[in-house]
Amino acid sequence: MNDRAAYQIIDSSQYGRVPWKNGRGETLAIVSHEDEKGIRFRISQAAVVENGVFSDFTGLHRTLVLLSDSGMTLTHERHEQRTSSPLLNALDMALFDGGDLTSATLHQGPIEDLNIMVRKQDTQATLKAIYREESVCIRPLQESLLQAFYATQLCHLSYVADQAVEHIDLLENSILILSAAGVLTVEQGGGVFIDISDL
């Protein structure tokens, strides 16, 4: 198997820094795609260090993954209706509309999160936390816009594709972009599998 064609590793040191729209922090930009309509999808990582209101991303659907155990609660307001998303443990997830008025309340100090945004009009994201000795099937490239595994800790992975097995070591907070149909297995560690596709 040609590993350059089958997968790509992006280390956290390669992430770009982008200021928040609300000016109250910055995001580590991991992977993004834009077209003539604007953002199609974006994966990023950020630290939330204080209570406050999230930036407005009207037109995008957001999935936020808690990366630390400190925890926080998100409150969403839309058309005078209020809902909340308590995130208590690492890899807990919240799904919400980017146009909602969303605010964060920290439980025990700063947290780190992973943020996946997709355009509501034509794009969807499916996320799954996977742990040691768990596997996930990788679809053919033409069936997905992006398939990736984000490591929340040091990981040892096996990737079976093109009738060959690759053993991959992935550092904490790095991401593995997968480009060939096959099976990815977490031998050690854990993280989040991300599948972004047409709606």
N, C-alpha and C. Protein backbone atom coordinates (compact mmCIF):
# COMPACT_ATOMS: atom_id res chain seq x y z
N MET A 1 0.85 -1.20 0.00
CA MET A 1 0.00 0.00 0.00
C MET A 1 0.88 1.24 0.00
N ASN A 2 0.50 2.20 -0.80
CA ASN A 2 1.20 3.48 -0.84
C ASN A 2 0.67 4.36 0.27
N ASP A 3 1.45 4.51 1.36
CA ASP A 3 0.94 5.23 2.52
C ASP A 3 0.65 6.70 2.21
N ARG A 4 1.36 7.28 1.25
CA ARG A 4 1.10 8.68 0.91
C ARG A 4 -0.31 8.84 0.32
N ALA A 5 -0.75 7.83 -0.43
CA ALA A 5 -2.08 7.89 -1.02
C ALA A 5 -3.16 7.47 -0.03
N ALA A 6 -2.82 6.58 0.90
CA ALA A 6 -3.82 6.00 1.79
C ALA A 6 -4.11 6.85 3.01
N TYR A 7 -3.13 7.58 3.50
CA TYR A 7 -3.37 8.40 4.69
C TYR A 7 -2.36 9.54 4.79
N GLN A 8 -2.73 10.52 5.61
CA GLN A 8 -1.86 11.66 5.89
C GLN A 8 -1.96 11.99 7.37
N ILE A 9 -0.84 12.22 8.01
CA ILE A 9 -0.81 12.63 9.41
C ILE A 9 -0.52 14.12 9.49
N ILE A 10 -1.37 14.83 10.24
CA ILE A 10 -1.13 16.24 10.50
C ILE A 10 -0.88 16.39 12.00
N ASP A 11 0.32 16.78 12.35
CA ASP A 11 0.69 16.95 13.76
C ASP A 11 0.18 18.29 14.27
N SER A 12 -0.06 18.36 15.58
CA SER A 12 -0.60 19.58 16.17
C SER A 12 0.30 20.80 15.94
N SER A 13 1.60 20.58 15.75
CA SER A 13 2.52 21.69 15.51
C SER A 13 2.27 22.34 14.14
N GLN A 14 1.52 21.66 13.27
CA GLN A 14 1.23 22.18 11.94
C GLN A 14 -0.09 22.95 11.88
N TYR A 15 -0.86 22.95 12.95
CA TYR A 15 -2.15 23.64 12.95
C TYR A 15 -1.94 25.15 12.88
N GLY A 16 -2.76 25.81 12.08
CA GLY A 16 -2.69 27.26 11.99
C GLY A 16 -3.50 27.92 13.09
N ARG A 17 -3.13 29.12 13.46
CA ARG A 17 -3.85 29.86 14.51
C ARG A 17 -4.74 30.92 13.88
N VAL A 18 -6.03 30.89 14.26
CA VAL A 18 -7.02 31.81 13.69
C VAL A 18 -7.76 32.50 14.84
N PRO A 19 -7.80 33.84 14.87
CA PRO A 19 -8.54 34.54 15.94
C PRO A 19 -10.03 34.23 15.88
N TRP A 20 -10.67 34.14 17.05
CA TRP A 20 -12.11 33.95 17.11
C TRP A 20 -12.82 35.16 16.52
N LYS A 21 -13.99 34.92 15.95
CA LYS A 21 -14.79 36.02 15.40
C LYS A 21 -15.18 37.02 16.47
N ASN A 22 -15.37 36.53 17.73
CA ASN A 22 -15.76 37.44 18.80
C ASN A 22 -14.56 38.11 19.49
N GLY A 23 -13.34 37.78 19.03
CA GLY A 23 -12.14 38.43 19.54
C GLY A 23 -11.69 37.98 20.92
N ARG A 24 -12.28 36.90 21.46
CA ARG A 24 -11.99 36.52 22.84
C ARG A 24 -11.09 35.28 22.95
N GLY A 25 -10.44 34.92 21.86
CA GLY A 25 -9.54 33.77 21.89
C GLY A 25 -9.08 33.43 20.49
N GLU A 26 -8.51 32.24 20.34
CA GLU A 26 -8.06 31.81 19.04
C GLU A 26 -8.30 30.32 18.86
N THR A 27 -8.40 29.92 17.61
CA THR A 27 -8.66 28.54 17.24
C THR A 27 -7.43 27.96 16.54
N LEU A 28 -7.18 26.70 16.78
CA LEU A 28 -6.16 25.98 16.02
C LEU A 28 -6.87 25.31 14.85
N ALA A 29 -6.65 25.83 13.65
CA ALA A 29 -7.30 25.32 12.45
C ALA A 29 -6.61 24.04 11.99
N ILE A 30 -7.36 22.95 11.91
CA ILE A 30 -6.80 21.65 11.57
C ILE A 30 -7.03 21.32 10.10
N VAL A 31 -8.29 21.24 9.70
CA VAL A 31 -8.66 20.95 8.32
C VAL A 31 -9.87 21.79 7.96
N SER A 32 -9.89 22.36 6.76
CA SER A 32 -11.07 23.11 6.33
C SER A 32 -11.20 23.05 4.82
N HIS A 33 -12.41 23.30 4.37
CA HIS A 33 -12.67 23.36 2.93
C HIS A 33 -13.71 24.44 2.67
N GLU A 34 -13.41 25.31 1.72
CA GLU A 34 -14.34 26.36 1.32
C GLU A 34 -14.57 26.29 -0.18
N ASP A 35 -15.75 26.72 -0.60
CA ASP A 35 -16.05 26.84 -2.02
C ASP A 35 -16.69 28.19 -2.26
N GLU A 36 -17.35 28.34 -3.41
CA GLU A 36 -17.91 29.66 -3.75
C GLU A 36 -19.02 30.08 -2.80
N LYS A 37 -19.57 29.14 -2.02
CA LYS A 37 -20.63 29.47 -1.06
C LYS A 37 -20.09 29.76 0.33
N GLY A 38 -18.79 29.58 0.52
CA GLY A 38 -18.19 29.80 1.84
C GLY A 38 -17.69 28.52 2.45
N ILE A 39 -17.74 28.43 3.78
CA ILE A 39 -17.23 27.25 4.49
C ILE A 39 -18.10 26.04 4.18
N ARG A 40 -17.48 24.96 3.71
CA ARG A 40 -18.19 23.68 3.53
C ARG A 40 -18.06 22.86 4.81
N PHE A 41 -16.82 22.78 5.32
CA PHE A 41 -16.60 22.14 6.62
C PHE A 41 -15.31 22.65 7.22
N ARG A 42 -15.22 22.53 8.54
CA ARG A 42 -14.00 22.94 9.23
C ARG A 42 -13.84 22.13 10.51
N ILE A 43 -12.64 21.66 10.76
CA ILE A 43 -12.29 20.99 12.00
C ILE A 43 -11.24 21.84 12.70
N SER A 44 -11.46 22.13 13.97
CA SER A 44 -10.52 22.97 14.70
C SER A 44 -10.48 22.57 16.18
N GLN A 45 -9.49 23.09 16.87
CA GLN A 45 -9.32 22.83 18.30
C GLN A 45 -9.17 24.17 19.00
N ALA A 46 -9.73 24.27 20.21
CA ALA A 46 -9.64 25.54 20.92
C ALA A 46 -9.65 25.32 22.42
N ALA A 47 -9.15 26.31 23.15
CA ALA A 47 -9.24 26.33 24.60
C ALA A 47 -10.31 27.34 25.00
N VAL A 48 -11.19 26.94 25.91
CA VAL A 48 -12.15 27.86 26.49
C VAL A 48 -11.67 28.17 27.90
N VAL A 49 -11.28 29.40 28.16
CA VAL A 49 -10.64 29.75 29.43
C VAL A 49 -11.54 30.57 30.35
N GLU A 50 -12.70 30.99 29.84
CA GLU A 50 -13.63 31.77 30.65
C GLU A 50 -15.05 31.58 30.16
N ASN A 51 -16.00 31.85 31.02
CA ASN A 51 -17.40 31.80 30.61
C ASN A 51 -17.65 32.87 29.55
N GLY A 52 -18.54 32.57 28.61
CA GLY A 52 -18.83 33.58 27.60
C GLY A 52 -19.67 33.04 26.46
N VAL A 53 -19.96 33.93 25.51
CA VAL A 53 -20.81 33.63 24.36
C VAL A 53 -19.95 33.19 23.18
N PHE A 54 -20.41 32.14 22.49
CA PHE A 54 -19.71 31.64 21.32
C PHE A 54 -19.95 32.58 20.12
N SER A 55 -19.04 32.51 19.16
CA SER A 55 -19.20 33.27 17.92
C SER A 55 -20.41 32.77 17.14
N ASP A 56 -20.98 33.65 16.34
CA ASP A 56 -22.13 33.33 15.50
C ASP A 56 -21.65 32.69 14.20
N PHE A 57 -22.10 31.46 13.94
CA PHE A 57 -21.81 30.77 12.69
C PHE A 57 -23.12 30.33 12.04
N THR A 58 -23.96 31.31 11.76
CA THR A 58 -25.24 31.04 11.11
C THR A 58 -25.01 30.30 9.79
N GLY A 59 -25.81 29.27 9.54
CA GLY A 59 -25.68 28.49 8.32
C GLY A 59 -24.85 27.24 8.48
N LEU A 60 -24.21 27.09 9.65
CA LEU A 60 -23.37 25.92 9.91
C LEU A 60 -23.94 25.12 11.07
N HIS A 61 -23.77 23.82 10.99
CA HIS A 61 -24.11 22.94 12.11
C HIS A 61 -22.82 22.60 12.83
N ARG A 62 -22.86 22.62 14.18
CA ARG A 62 -21.64 22.42 14.96
C ARG A 62 -21.74 21.17 15.84
N THR A 63 -20.62 20.48 15.94
CA THR A 63 -20.46 19.41 16.92
C THR A 63 -19.22 19.74 17.74
N LEU A 64 -19.39 19.85 19.04
CA LEU A 64 -18.29 20.18 19.93
C LEU A 64 -17.97 18.97 20.80
N VAL A 65 -16.70 18.60 20.84
CA VAL A 65 -16.25 17.43 21.61
C VAL A 65 -15.35 17.91 22.74
N LEU A 66 -15.71 17.57 23.97
CA LEU A 66 -14.89 17.92 25.12
C LEU A 66 -13.64 17.06 25.14
N LEU A 67 -12.47 17.69 25.25
CA LEU A 67 -11.21 16.95 25.24
C LEU A 67 -10.61 16.79 26.62
N SER A 68 -11.16 17.47 27.62
CA SER A 68 -10.64 17.37 28.98
C SER A 68 -11.77 17.02 29.93
N ASP A 69 -11.42 16.65 31.15
CA ASP A 69 -12.42 16.19 32.12
C ASP A 69 -12.97 17.31 33.00
N SER A 70 -12.50 18.54 32.83
CA SER A 70 -12.96 19.63 33.69
C SER A 70 -14.45 19.91 33.50
N GLY A 71 -14.91 19.86 32.27
CA GLY A 71 -16.33 19.98 31.99
C GLY A 71 -16.83 21.40 31.81
N MET A 72 -17.92 21.51 31.05
CA MET A 72 -18.63 22.78 30.90
C MET A 72 -20.05 22.49 30.45
N THR A 73 -20.91 23.49 30.59
CA THR A 73 -22.28 23.39 30.12
C THR A 73 -22.52 24.46 29.06
N LEU A 74 -23.07 24.04 27.93
CA LEU A 74 -23.45 24.97 26.87
C LEU A 74 -24.94 25.27 26.97
N THR A 75 -25.29 26.53 26.86
CA THR A 75 -26.69 26.95 26.84
C THR A 75 -27.00 27.55 25.48
N HIS A 76 -28.06 27.06 24.85
CA HIS A 76 -28.43 27.50 23.50
C HIS A 76 -29.78 28.22 23.54
N GLU A 77 -29.83 29.39 22.93
CA GLU A 77 -31.08 30.15 22.86
C GLU A 77 -31.44 30.36 21.40
N ARG A 78 -32.70 30.03 21.07
CA ARG A 78 -33.19 30.17 19.70
C ARG A 78 -34.70 30.39 19.73
N HIS A 79 -35.14 31.49 19.15
CA HIS A 79 -36.56 31.82 19.10
C HIS A 79 -37.21 31.73 20.49
N GLU A 80 -36.54 32.32 21.46
CA GLU A 80 -37.01 32.39 22.84
C GLU A 80 -37.11 31.02 23.53
N GLN A 81 -36.51 30.02 22.93
CA GLN A 81 -36.41 28.70 23.56
C GLN A 81 -34.98 28.47 24.01
N ARG A 82 -34.83 27.86 25.19
CA ARG A 82 -33.50 27.63 25.75
C ARG A 82 -33.30 26.14 26.02
N THR A 83 -32.16 25.60 25.57
CA THR A 83 -31.77 24.23 25.86
C THR A 83 -30.34 24.24 26.37
N SER A 84 -29.93 23.15 27.00
CA SER A 84 -28.57 23.09 27.52
C SER A 84 -27.92 21.76 27.14
N SER A 85 -26.59 21.79 27.04
CA SER A 85 -25.79 20.60 26.73
C SER A 85 -24.70 20.47 27.78
N PRO A 86 -24.90 19.65 28.81
CA PRO A 86 -23.83 19.46 29.80
C PRO A 86 -22.77 18.51 29.26
N LEU A 87 -21.53 18.94 29.30
CA LEU A 87 -20.39 18.13 28.89
C LEU A 87 -19.55 17.86 30.14
N LEU A 88 -19.56 16.62 30.61
CA LEU A 88 -18.97 16.30 31.90
C LEU A 88 -17.67 15.52 31.80
N ASN A 89 -17.54 14.68 30.78
CA ASN A 89 -16.38 13.80 30.66
C ASN A 89 -15.74 13.95 29.29
N ALA A 90 -14.45 13.63 29.22
CA ALA A 90 -13.74 13.69 27.95
C ALA A 90 -14.45 12.85 26.90
N LEU A 91 -14.61 13.43 25.71
CA LEU A 91 -15.28 12.85 24.53
C LEU A 91 -16.80 12.96 24.59
N ASP A 92 -17.35 13.63 25.62
CA ASP A 92 -18.76 14.00 25.55
C ASP A 92 -18.93 14.99 24.41
N MET A 93 -20.09 14.93 23.72
CA MET A 93 -20.32 15.75 22.54
C MET A 93 -21.60 16.55 22.65
N ALA A 94 -21.61 17.73 22.04
CA ALA A 94 -22.81 18.57 21.93
C ALA A 94 -23.02 18.91 20.48
N LEU A 95 -24.26 18.75 19.99
CA LEU A 95 -24.63 19.11 18.63
C LEU A 95 -25.58 20.29 18.69
N PHE A 96 -25.29 21.34 17.90
CA PHE A 96 -26.14 22.52 17.95
C PHE A 96 -25.98 23.35 16.68
N ASP A 97 -26.94 24.23 16.48
CA ASP A 97 -26.95 25.13 15.33
C ASP A 97 -25.97 26.27 15.56
N GLY A 98 -25.11 26.51 14.57
CA GLY A 98 -24.13 27.58 14.72
C GLY A 98 -24.74 28.96 14.83
N GLY A 99 -26.02 29.09 14.44
CA GLY A 99 -26.69 30.38 14.54
C GLY A 99 -27.38 30.61 15.87
N ASP A 100 -27.43 29.58 16.72
CA ASP A 100 -28.00 29.76 18.06
C ASP A 100 -27.13 30.69 18.89
N LEU A 101 -27.74 31.39 19.81
CA LEU A 101 -26.97 32.16 20.79
C LEU A 101 -26.49 31.17 21.84
N THR A 102 -25.24 30.76 21.75
CA THR A 102 -24.70 29.71 22.61
C THR A 102 -23.66 30.30 23.55
N SER A 103 -23.80 29.98 24.82
CA SER A 103 -22.83 30.45 25.82
C SER A 103 -22.29 29.25 26.59
N ALA A 104 -21.07 29.40 27.09
CA ALA A 104 -20.41 28.34 27.83
C ALA A 104 -20.21 28.73 29.28
N THR A 105 -20.48 27.78 30.18
CA THR A 105 -20.20 27.95 31.60
C THR A 105 -19.25 26.85 32.03
N LEU A 106 -18.06 27.22 32.44
CA LEU A 106 -17.04 26.24 32.84
C LEU A 106 -17.35 25.70 34.23
N HIS A 107 -17.02 24.43 34.44
CA HIS A 107 -17.29 23.80 35.73
C HIS A 107 -16.12 23.94 36.70
N GLN A 108 -14.90 23.66 36.20
CA GLN A 108 -13.73 23.69 37.10
C GLN A 108 -12.51 24.24 36.38
N GLY A 109 -12.67 25.34 35.69
CA GLY A 109 -11.54 25.95 35.02
C GLY A 109 -11.51 25.67 33.53
N PRO A 110 -10.45 26.11 32.86
CA PRO A 110 -10.34 26.04 31.40
C PRO A 110 -10.46 24.61 30.86
N ILE A 111 -10.97 24.51 29.63
CA ILE A 111 -11.08 23.21 28.96
C ILE A 111 -10.54 23.33 27.53
N GLU A 112 -10.29 22.18 26.92
CA GLU A 112 -9.96 22.11 25.50
C GLU A 112 -11.12 21.41 24.79
N ASP A 113 -11.41 21.87 23.56
CA ASP A 113 -12.45 21.19 22.80
C ASP A 113 -12.07 21.04 21.34
N LEU A 114 -12.72 20.09 20.70
CA LEU A 114 -12.61 19.86 19.26
C LEU A 114 -13.92 20.31 18.65
N ASN A 115 -13.85 21.09 17.58
CA ASN A 115 -15.04 21.68 16.98
C ASN A 115 -15.13 21.28 15.52
N ILE A 116 -16.25 20.66 15.15
CA ILE A 116 -16.50 20.29 13.75
C ILE A 116 -17.70 21.08 13.27
N MET A 117 -17.52 21.85 12.21
CA MET A 117 -18.59 22.65 11.64
C MET A 117 -18.82 22.22 10.20
N VAL A 118 -20.09 22.07 9.82
CA VAL A 118 -20.44 21.72 8.44
C VAL A 118 -21.59 22.61 7.98
N ARG A 119 -21.65 22.86 6.69
CA ARG A 119 -22.72 23.68 6.13
C ARG A 119 -24.03 22.92 6.16
N LYS A 120 -25.02 23.49 6.81
CA LYS A 120 -26.30 22.80 6.99
C LYS A 120 -26.98 22.47 5.67
N GLN A 121 -26.78 23.31 4.69
CA GLN A 121 -27.48 23.20 3.42
C GLN A 121 -27.18 21.89 2.69
N ASP A 122 -25.94 21.41 2.77
CA ASP A 122 -25.56 20.28 1.90
C ASP A 122 -24.53 19.32 2.50
N THR A 123 -24.22 19.48 3.79
CA THR A 123 -23.13 18.69 4.37
C THR A 123 -23.53 18.15 5.73
N GLN A 124 -23.03 16.96 6.06
CA GLN A 124 -23.31 16.38 7.36
C GLN A 124 -22.03 15.77 7.94
N ALA A 125 -21.99 15.70 9.27
CA ALA A 125 -20.84 15.11 9.96
C ALA A 125 -21.34 14.05 10.94
N THR A 126 -20.67 12.91 10.92
CA THR A 126 -20.94 11.83 11.87
C THR A 126 -19.68 11.60 12.69
N LEU A 127 -19.81 11.65 14.01
CA LEU A 127 -18.67 11.48 14.90
C LEU A 127 -18.89 10.28 15.80
N LYS A 128 -17.79 9.60 16.14
CA LYS A 128 -17.86 8.45 17.03
C LYS A 128 -16.59 8.39 17.86
N ALA A 129 -16.76 8.31 19.17
CA ALA A 129 -15.60 8.09 20.04
C ALA A 129 -15.20 6.62 19.95
N ILE A 130 -13.94 6.35 19.71
CA ILE A 130 -13.47 4.97 19.64
C ILE A 130 -12.26 4.79 20.56
N TYR A 131 -12.22 3.63 21.18
CA TYR A 131 -11.23 3.35 22.20
C TYR A 131 -10.43 2.09 21.85
N ARG A 132 -9.60 1.67 22.77
CA ARG A 132 -8.71 0.52 22.55
C ARG A 132 -9.50 -0.71 22.10
N GLU A 133 -8.98 -1.35 21.07
CA GLU A 133 -9.52 -2.59 20.49
C GLU A 133 -10.86 -2.39 19.79
N GLU A 134 -11.21 -1.14 19.48
CA GLU A 134 -12.39 -0.86 18.68
C GLU A 134 -11.97 -0.50 17.25
N SER A 135 -12.85 -0.80 16.30
CA SER A 135 -12.54 -0.58 14.88
C SER A 135 -13.64 0.25 14.23
N VAL A 136 -13.30 0.83 13.09
CA VAL A 136 -14.27 1.57 12.29
C VAL A 136 -13.96 1.31 10.82
N CYS A 137 -15.01 1.17 10.02
CA CYS A 137 -14.84 0.93 8.59
C CYS A 137 -14.64 2.26 7.87
N ILE A 138 -13.68 2.30 6.97
CA ILE A 138 -13.39 3.48 6.16
C ILE A 138 -14.01 3.27 4.79
N ARG A 139 -14.88 4.18 4.39
CA ARG A 139 -15.57 4.06 3.12
C ARG A 139 -14.67 4.49 1.96
N PRO A 140 -15.01 4.08 0.74
CA PRO A 140 -14.26 4.56 -0.42
C PRO A 140 -14.25 6.08 -0.48
N LEU A 141 -13.18 6.63 -0.98
CA LEU A 141 -12.98 8.08 -0.98
C LEU A 141 -14.13 8.82 -1.67
N GLN A 142 -14.68 8.24 -2.74
CA GLN A 142 -15.73 8.93 -3.48
C GLN A 142 -17.04 9.01 -2.73
N GLU A 143 -17.18 8.29 -1.62
CA GLU A 143 -18.41 8.29 -0.84
C GLU A 143 -18.38 9.28 0.32
N SER A 144 -17.27 9.97 0.50
CA SER A 144 -17.12 10.86 1.65
C SER A 144 -16.28 12.06 1.28
N LEU A 145 -16.55 13.20 1.91
CA LEU A 145 -15.73 14.39 1.71
C LEU A 145 -14.46 14.31 2.54
N LEU A 146 -14.56 13.71 3.73
CA LEU A 146 -13.40 13.58 4.62
C LEU A 146 -13.68 12.50 5.66
N GLN A 147 -12.70 11.62 5.88
CA GLN A 147 -12.74 10.68 6.98
C GLN A 147 -11.41 10.81 7.72
N ALA A 148 -11.52 10.95 9.04
CA ALA A 148 -10.32 11.24 9.82
C ALA A 148 -10.46 10.70 11.24
N PHE A 149 -9.31 10.49 11.87
CA PHE A 149 -9.28 10.08 13.28
C PHE A 149 -8.44 11.09 14.03
N TYR A 150 -9.03 11.69 15.07
CA TYR A 150 -8.34 12.66 15.92
C TYR A 150 -7.95 11.96 17.21
N ALA A 151 -6.66 11.97 17.53
CA ALA A 151 -6.15 11.27 18.71
C ALA A 151 -6.22 12.16 19.94
N THR A 152 -6.95 11.72 20.96
CA THR A 152 -7.02 12.48 22.21
C THR A 152 -5.93 12.06 23.19
N GLN A 153 -5.17 11.04 22.81
CA GLN A 153 -4.01 10.58 23.57
C GLN A 153 -3.08 9.87 22.61
N LEU A 154 -1.89 9.53 23.07
CA LEU A 154 -0.96 8.80 22.22
C LEU A 154 -1.61 7.50 21.76
N CYS A 155 -1.62 7.26 20.45
CA CYS A 155 -2.34 6.11 19.90
C CYS A 155 -1.41 5.23 19.05
N HIS A 156 -1.68 3.93 19.10
CA HIS A 156 -1.11 2.99 18.14
C HIS A 156 -2.27 2.39 17.37
N LEU A 157 -2.23 2.55 16.04
CA LEU A 157 -3.34 2.16 15.19
C LEU A 157 -2.89 1.14 14.16
N SER A 158 -3.83 0.33 13.71
CA SER A 158 -3.59 -0.50 12.52
C SER A 158 -4.62 -0.12 11.47
N TYR A 159 -4.16 -0.04 10.24
CA TYR A 159 -5.01 0.39 9.13
C TYR A 159 -4.88 -0.63 8.01
N VAL A 160 -5.95 -1.37 7.78
CA VAL A 160 -5.95 -2.39 6.74
C VAL A 160 -6.63 -1.81 5.51
N ALA A 161 -5.88 -1.66 4.43
CA ALA A 161 -6.41 -1.11 3.19
C ALA A 161 -5.54 -1.59 2.03
N ASP A 162 -6.16 -1.75 0.87
CA ASP A 162 -5.42 -2.19 -0.32
C ASP A 162 -4.64 -3.48 -0.07
N GLN A 163 -5.25 -4.39 0.68
CA GLN A 163 -4.69 -5.71 0.96
C GLN A 163 -3.35 -5.64 1.69
N ALA A 164 -3.17 -4.60 2.48
CA ALA A 164 -1.95 -4.45 3.27
C ALA A 164 -2.31 -3.85 4.63
N VAL A 165 -1.41 -4.03 5.60
CA VAL A 165 -1.62 -3.51 6.95
C VAL A 165 -0.54 -2.47 7.26
N GLU A 166 -0.98 -1.30 7.68
CA GLU A 166 -0.06 -0.25 8.13
C GLU A 166 -0.22 -0.09 9.64
N HIS A 167 0.90 -0.02 10.36
CA HIS A 167 0.89 0.27 11.79
C HIS A 167 1.31 1.73 11.97
N ILE A 168 0.45 2.50 12.61
CA ILE A 168 0.62 3.95 12.67
C ILE A 168 0.65 4.41 14.12
N ASP A 169 1.66 5.18 14.48
CA ASP A 169 1.71 5.84 15.78
C ASP A 169 1.28 7.28 15.60
N LEU A 170 0.33 7.69 16.42
CA LEU A 170 -0.25 9.03 16.30
C LEU A 170 -0.13 9.75 17.63
N LEU A 171 0.49 10.92 17.62
CA LEU A 171 0.68 11.69 18.84
C LEU A 171 -0.63 12.29 19.32
N GLU A 172 -0.71 12.58 20.60
CA GLU A 172 -1.88 13.24 21.18
C GLU A 172 -2.16 14.55 20.44
N ASN A 173 -3.43 14.81 20.17
CA ASN A 173 -3.91 16.03 19.50
C ASN A 173 -3.48 16.12 18.03
N SER A 174 -3.08 14.98 17.44
CA SER A 174 -2.81 14.94 16.01
C SER A 174 -3.98 14.29 15.29
N ILE A 175 -4.02 14.46 13.97
CA ILE A 175 -5.14 13.91 13.21
C ILE A 175 -4.63 13.08 12.04
N LEU A 176 -5.34 12.01 11.77
CA LEU A 176 -5.01 11.09 10.68
C LEU A 176 -6.10 11.22 9.62
N ILE A 177 -5.74 11.63 8.42
CA ILE A 177 -6.68 11.75 7.30
C ILE A 177 -6.60 10.46 6.49
N LEU A 178 -7.74 9.82 6.28
CA LEU A 178 -7.79 8.50 5.64
C LEU A 178 -8.37 8.62 4.24
N SER A 179 -7.69 7.99 3.27
CA SER A 179 -8.07 8.18 1.87
C SER A 179 -8.34 6.90 1.12
N ALA A 180 -8.28 5.74 1.78
CA ALA A 180 -8.52 4.46 1.10
C ALA A 180 -9.50 3.64 1.93
N ALA A 181 -10.39 2.95 1.26
CA ALA A 181 -11.35 2.09 1.95
C ALA A 181 -10.62 1.00 2.72
N GLY A 182 -11.12 0.69 3.92
CA GLY A 182 -10.48 -0.34 4.73
C GLY A 182 -11.04 -0.35 6.13
N VAL A 183 -10.21 -0.78 7.07
CA VAL A 183 -10.61 -0.86 8.48
C VAL A 183 -9.50 -0.24 9.33
N LEU A 184 -9.90 0.69 10.20
CA LEU A 184 -8.97 1.31 11.14
C LEU A 184 -9.27 0.76 12.53
N THR A 185 -8.23 0.27 13.22
CA THR A 185 -8.39 -0.29 14.56
C THR A 185 -7.48 0.44 15.53
N VAL A 186 -8.03 0.80 16.68
CA VAL A 186 -7.23 1.42 17.74
C VAL A 186 -6.64 0.30 18.59
N GLU A 187 -5.34 0.11 18.50
CA GLU A 187 -4.66 -0.90 19.30
C GLU A 187 -4.39 -0.39 20.72
N GLN A 188 -4.00 0.87 20.80
CA GLN A 188 -3.79 1.53 22.09
C GLN A 188 -4.23 2.98 21.96
N GLY A 189 -4.78 3.52 23.05
CA GLY A 189 -5.19 4.92 23.05
C GLY A 189 -6.67 5.10 22.77
N GLY A 190 -7.02 6.25 22.23
CA GLY A 190 -8.41 6.55 21.93
C GLY A 190 -8.54 7.89 21.25
N GLY A 191 -9.72 8.14 20.70
CA GLY A 191 -9.94 9.41 20.03
C GLY A 191 -11.31 9.46 19.38
N VAL A 192 -11.42 10.30 18.35
CA VAL A 192 -12.70 10.55 17.71
C VAL A 192 -12.57 10.30 16.21
N PHE A 193 -13.48 9.46 15.69
CA PHE A 193 -13.56 9.25 14.25
C PHE A 193 -14.55 10.24 13.67
N ILE A 194 -14.17 10.91 12.57
CA ILE A 194 -14.97 11.95 11.96
C ILE A 194 -15.23 11.57 10.51
N ASP A 195 -16.50 11.58 10.13
CA ASP A 195 -16.89 11.28 8.75
C ASP A 195 -17.76 12.42 8.25
N ILE A 196 -17.26 13.17 7.27
CA ILE A 196 -17.98 14.29 6.69
C ILE A 196 -18.38 13.93 5.27
N SER A 197 -19.66 14.11 4.95
CA SER A 197 -20.15 13.68 3.64
C SER A 197 -21.25 14.61 3.15
N ASP A 198 -21.66 14.40 1.90
CA ASP A 198 -22.78 15.14 1.34
C ASP A 198 -24.06 14.78 2.10
N LEU A 199 -24.93 15.76 2.23
CA LEU A 199 -26.20 15.53 2.89
C LEU A 199 -27.16 14.80 1.97
